[in-house]
Structure formats: structure tokens, C-alpha cells
Amino acid sequence: MLHIQHLSRRFPAHTAPILSNLSLQLPAGESASIQGASGCGKSTLLALIAGFDKPDSGDIRVDDTAVHQLSTSGADAFRANHLGVIFQNFNLLECFNVWDNVAFTARLKGNFDPALQRQLLQQLGIDQLANNAVTSLSGGEQQRVAIARALNHRPSLILADEPTGNLDEATSDNVISCLFNECKARQTTLVLVTHSQEVASQADHHYLLTHGALSQMIG
């Protein structure tokens, strides 16, 4: 479960807070998509939920963890054990091949399952790339590796920042279907930022971020 209450974040370069008194409640196993203009605070919101940044005020809770109160080391441990984060810039480990990148967090967490990993790679269409260096992959292939890594260690919450941004339409449809289906099957909560109306509409809840606050969209 994700519970955000009265969240605000201000940066010195902005006259107005980028997030202002924002609240969101998302039950375990449900998904939410967030859309909004460039620079409106979507990535900032994900960074706060993940514990990469701290709010000026407000509460962020994931299950029983008060994320906004965690120390730096506590936030690191929280992400490793409870979150799957899909970054816009992928954050893959260039010294490892595809298989070891996807396995990395699951091995740290102690729940690595080779059969599950093979299934994920097949579903995402990258099983034939398992032994390849990630530096040899296209942007779309690297994005699918990042998605597989986020799912592989069975987190309670996945945060996805433009998960289809580097994919063609056909691959995007397959990847998004896999992401939503796997999260639903495992009761994993999902929050994704996307510019795609088609992707956004597949979430259980659809929000627009404007003027620092979320408004729920119907339909």
C-alpha cells in the first residue's frame, strides 16, 4: 500500500512549490498512472516516494515504512528490499551482462529464482540477449532489461518513469502488458509516469499532475 499525505516540495529556482499539499492513497496490488506537462514534478514525486529526496513537509508511507523519515542508509535498504525502480536512464551496470543485471537485486535480497528470471526475459523478448553486454544493446533493449530487473526481485511497489519511452509501438504494447500483468498477479503496487494516454488508461487509477497537486481523471 502507498499512502501520501499533504506532501510539499520546493526548490530554490522555483517561486512556487513544485509539489503542494499533494495526497494519494493506493491499495496494495493496484496501479496508478500519472501524466502532466514537462517539469510539473512527476519525476520529483517518484524520487520522493523512493527516498532519493526528502519532502519539505508531508508523509510518505509504503506499507509500514515511513519513507520520509528514513536515513540515507535506511532509504538504501528500503529500496533494495521493497522497491523496483525503472529509471528513464536505465541505471544498468555496465560491468555485467544482461542476465547478471536482471539478477543483481534479487541476489542481494536473497530471493533469486532462475526459472522466474528466464520467464521474465522471454516475456519481454530479451531471453536471447541474456549473455550480451548491456553496452551492446539498443535503448529499447536496455529499457526492457531495466523492467525485468525491477520485477525480478518481487518488490511490493514498482515506480516506473516513462517505461515505454524508448520502445516502438509493438514492443511497448508487449512490455506494458507484461508489466501490468506481472504486478497484478503478484499483488505488486505500481506507480508509473507516462506521456502515453494509451498506457495511462490501462492503470486502475489515472491522475493528472498540475500546479503541484494530483487530480483523478475518469475514463
Protein backbone atom coordinates (compact mmCIF):
# COMPACT_ATOMS: atom_id res chain seq x y z
CA MET A 1 0.00 0.00 0.00
CA LEU A 2 1.13 3.55 -0.80
CA HIS A 3 -0.10 6.41 1.36
CA ILE A 4 0.95 10.02 0.69
CA GLN A 5 -0.49 12.84 2.75
CA HIS A 6 -0.04 16.63 2.40
CA LEU A 7 3.26 16.32 0.51
CA SER A 8 5.10 19.51 -0.45
CA ARG A 9 8.48 20.10 -2.11
CA ARG A 10 10.02 23.41 -3.07
CA PHE A 11 13.24 24.14 -4.96
CA PRO A 12 15.13 27.46 -4.76
CA ALA A 13 14.88 28.08 -8.51
CA HIS A 14 11.07 27.94 -8.40
CA THR A 15 8.90 30.69 -6.96
CA ALA A 16 6.07 28.22 -6.30
CA PRO A 17 6.45 24.74 -4.77
CA ILE A 18 6.73 22.04 -7.41
CA LEU A 19 4.52 19.81 -5.23
CA SER A 20 1.97 21.39 -2.91
CA ASN A 21 -0.15 19.58 -0.32
CA LEU A 22 -0.30 16.50 -2.57
CA SER A 23 -2.10 13.39 -1.33
CA LEU A 24 -2.51 9.91 -2.82
CA GLN A 25 -3.72 6.58 -1.48
CA LEU A 26 -3.14 3.42 -3.49
CA PRO A 27 -4.13 -0.01 -2.15
CA ALA A 28 -1.74 -2.94 -2.45
CA GLY A 29 -1.82 -4.56 -5.86
CA GLU A 30 -3.39 -1.60 -7.66
CA SER A 31 -1.82 0.66 -10.28
CA ALA A 32 -1.79 4.42 -10.84
CA SER A 33 -0.62 6.37 -13.87
CA ILE A 34 0.49 9.98 -13.63
CA GLN A 35 0.56 12.41 -16.54
CA GLY A 36 1.40 16.09 -16.76
CA ALA A 37 3.42 18.68 -18.60
CA SER A 38 7.21 18.51 -18.69
CA GLY A 39 8.70 19.90 -15.48
CA CYS A 40 5.48 19.68 -13.49
CA GLY A 41 7.00 17.45 -10.79
CA LYS A 42 6.27 13.89 -11.91
CA SER A 43 9.85 12.65 -11.57
CA THR A 44 10.23 14.62 -8.33
CA LEU A 45 7.25 12.76 -6.90
CA LEU A 46 8.76 9.38 -7.81
CA ALA A 47 12.09 10.41 -6.27
CA LEU A 48 10.35 11.33 -3.01
CA ILE A 49 8.43 8.04 -2.89
CA ALA A 50 11.67 6.13 -3.49
CA GLY A 51 13.51 8.01 -0.75
CA PHE A 52 16.05 9.64 -3.09
CA ASP A 53 14.85 13.04 -1.89
CA LYS A 54 13.02 14.35 1.16
CA PRO A 55 9.87 16.48 1.21
CA ASP A 56 9.68 19.85 2.89
CA SER A 57 6.51 18.63 4.59
CA GLY A 58 4.09 15.71 4.46
CA ASP A 59 4.10 11.95 4.94
CA ILE A 60 5.04 9.11 2.58
CA ARG A 61 4.32 5.57 3.71
CA VAL A 62 4.87 2.33 1.81
CA ASP A 63 3.24 -0.50 3.73
CA ASP A 64 4.53 0.08 7.28
CA THR A 65 7.57 2.19 6.34
CA ALA A 66 7.59 5.97 6.83
CA VAL A 67 9.83 6.73 3.85
CA HIS A 68 10.13 10.45 4.62
CA GLN A 69 11.75 9.64 7.98
CA LEU A 70 14.43 7.26 6.71
CA SER A 71 18.14 7.99 6.92
CA THR A 72 20.23 7.72 3.76
CA SER A 73 21.31 4.17 4.63
CA GLY A 74 17.77 3.30 5.67
CA ALA A 75 16.43 4.53 2.33
CA ASP A 76 19.04 2.44 0.50
CA ALA A 77 17.96 -0.68 2.39
CA PHE A 78 14.28 0.13 1.86
CA ARG A 79 14.72 0.38 -1.92
CA ALA A 80 16.74 -2.84 -2.09
CA ASN A 81 14.13 -4.80 -0.17
CA HIS A 82 10.80 -3.27 -1.14
CA LEU A 83 11.03 -1.20 -4.35
CA GLY A 84 11.54 -1.83 -8.02
CA VAL A 85 12.55 1.40 -9.77
CA ILE A 86 12.55 1.78 -13.55
CA PHE A 87 14.60 4.88 -14.34
CA GLN A 88 14.46 6.95 -17.53
CA ASN A 89 18.22 6.46 -17.90
CA PHE A 90 18.00 2.72 -17.02
CA ASN A 91 20.89 2.69 -14.45
CA LEU A 92 22.22 -0.63 -15.72
CA LEU A 93 25.57 -2.00 -14.51
CA GLU A 94 27.92 -1.88 -17.49
CA CYS A 95 30.33 -4.40 -15.98
CA PHE A 96 27.62 -7.12 -16.02
CA ASN A 97 25.81 -8.85 -18.86
CA VAL A 98 22.03 -8.85 -19.24
CA TRP A 99 21.46 -11.94 -17.07
CA ASP A 100 23.53 -10.61 -14.17
CA ASN A 101 21.96 -7.14 -14.38
CA VAL A 102 18.48 -8.60 -14.07
CA ALA A 103 19.59 -10.92 -11.26
CA PHE A 104 21.51 -8.27 -9.30
CA THR A 105 18.88 -7.02 -6.83
CA ALA A 106 17.26 -10.43 -6.40
CA ARG A 107 20.63 -11.92 -5.45
CA LEU A 108 21.24 -9.13 -2.93
CA LYS A 109 17.78 -9.71 -1.49
CA GLY A 110 18.25 -13.49 -1.38
CA ASN A 111 15.23 -14.42 -3.49
CA PHE A 112 16.87 -15.07 -6.87
CA ASP A 113 14.83 -17.56 -8.91
CA PRO A 114 16.47 -18.56 -12.23
CA ALA A 115 13.22 -20.02 -13.59
CA LEU A 116 11.31 -16.82 -12.85
CA GLN A 117 14.07 -14.77 -14.44
CA ARG A 118 14.05 -16.87 -17.62
CA GLN A 119 10.27 -16.44 -17.81
CA LEU A 120 10.57 -12.66 -17.47
CA LEU A 121 13.25 -12.43 -20.14
CA GLN A 122 11.10 -14.50 -22.50
CA GLN A 123 8.00 -12.39 -21.85
CA LEU A 124 9.97 -9.22 -22.55
CA GLY A 125 11.60 -10.63 -25.68
CA ILE A 126 15.18 -10.40 -24.44
CA ASP A 127 15.92 -14.03 -23.49
CA GLN A 128 18.26 -14.38 -26.48
CA LEU A 129 20.29 -11.45 -25.14
CA ALA A 130 20.99 -12.96 -21.70
CA ASN A 131 24.75 -13.28 -22.24
CA ASN A 132 25.18 -9.97 -24.05
CA ALA A 133 26.93 -6.94 -22.57
CA VAL A 134 24.37 -4.24 -21.78
CA THR A 135 26.57 -1.71 -23.60
CA SER A 136 25.88 -3.59 -26.85
CA LEU A 137 22.10 -3.19 -26.56
CA SER A 138 19.81 -0.64 -28.15
CA GLY A 139 17.94 1.84 -25.95
CA GLY A 140 14.75 -0.20 -26.22
CA GLU A 141 16.55 -3.41 -25.24
CA GLN A 142 18.18 -1.70 -22.26
CA GLN A 143 14.77 -0.44 -21.18
CA ARG A 144 13.39 -3.98 -21.18
CA VAL A 145 16.37 -5.16 -19.11
CA ALA A 146 15.61 -2.43 -16.56
CA ILE A 147 11.95 -3.50 -16.41
CA ALA A 148 12.93 -7.16 -15.93
CA ARG A 149 15.30 -6.21 -13.10
CA ALA A 150 12.57 -4.21 -11.34
CA LEU A 151 10.13 -7.12 -11.48
CA ASN A 152 12.62 -9.89 -10.75
CA HIS A 153 13.14 -9.42 -7.01
CA ARG A 154 9.37 -9.32 -6.35
CA PRO A 155 9.09 -5.86 -4.73
CA SER A 156 5.95 -4.62 -3.02
CA LEU A 157 5.99 -1.37 -5.07
CA ILE A 158 7.27 -0.55 -8.55
CA LEU A 159 7.96 3.03 -9.64
CA ALA A 160 8.29 3.47 -13.41
CA ASP A 161 9.40 6.72 -15.05
CA GLU A 162 8.36 6.62 -18.74
CA PRO A 163 8.80 2.83 -19.03
CA THR A 164 7.97 2.82 -22.76
CA GLY A 165 9.85 5.97 -23.71
CA ASN A 166 12.43 4.18 -25.89
CA LEU A 167 10.20 1.47 -27.33
CA ASP A 168 8.40 1.18 -30.65
CA GLU A 169 4.62 0.73 -30.56
CA ALA A 170 4.57 -3.07 -30.92
CA THR A 171 7.26 -3.62 -28.28
CA SER A 172 5.62 -1.05 -26.00
CA ASP A 173 2.33 -2.95 -26.08
CA ASN A 174 4.08 -6.20 -25.13
CA VAL A 175 6.18 -4.65 -22.36
CA ILE A 176 3.29 -2.75 -20.77
CA SER A 177 1.09 -5.85 -20.88
CA CYS A 178 3.84 -7.81 -19.11
CA LEU A 179 4.36 -5.07 -16.51
CA PHE A 180 0.68 -4.73 -15.63
CA ASN A 181 0.02 -8.49 -15.69
CA GLU A 182 3.01 -9.34 -13.50
CA CYS A 183 2.14 -6.63 -10.98
CA LYS A 184 -1.47 -7.79 -10.82
CA ALA A 185 -0.50 -11.45 -10.45
CA ARG A 186 1.91 -10.69 -7.59
CA GLN A 187 -0.24 -8.01 -5.93
CA THR A 188 2.55 -5.51 -6.55
CA THR A 189 1.55 -1.85 -6.35
CA LEU A 190 2.55 0.13 -9.45
CA VAL A 191 3.01 3.86 -9.99
CA LEU A 192 4.06 4.91 -13.46
CA VAL A 193 4.71 8.24 -15.11
CA THR A 194 3.91 8.26 -18.82
CA HIS A 195 3.26 10.65 -21.70
CA SER A 196 1.17 7.96 -23.44
CA GLN A 197 -2.58 8.23 -23.00
CA GLU A 198 -2.94 4.61 -24.12
CA VAL A 199 -0.54 3.38 -21.43
CA ALA A 200 -2.04 5.64 -18.76
CA SER A 201 -5.57 4.40 -19.42
CA GLN A 202 -4.59 0.81 -18.56
CA ALA A 203 -3.92 1.68 -14.91
CA ASP A 204 -6.55 1.21 -12.22
CA HIS A 205 -6.30 4.92 -11.39
CA HIS A 206 -5.30 7.76 -13.72
CA TYR A 207 -4.06 11.11 -12.40
CA LEU A 208 -3.03 14.45 -13.86
CA LEU A 209 -0.35 16.44 -12.01
CA THR A 210 -0.88 20.20 -12.33
CA HIS A 211 0.03 23.12 -10.07
CA GLY A 212 1.68 20.73 -7.62
CA ALA A 213 -1.38 18.55 -6.96
CA LEU A 214 -2.97 15.40 -8.36
CA SER A 215 -6.45 15.32 -9.84
CA GLN A 216 -8.03 11.98 -10.71
CA MET A 217 -9.15 11.54 -14.29
CA ILE A 218 -12.19 9.46 -15.19
CA GLY A 219 -12.19 7.17 -18.19
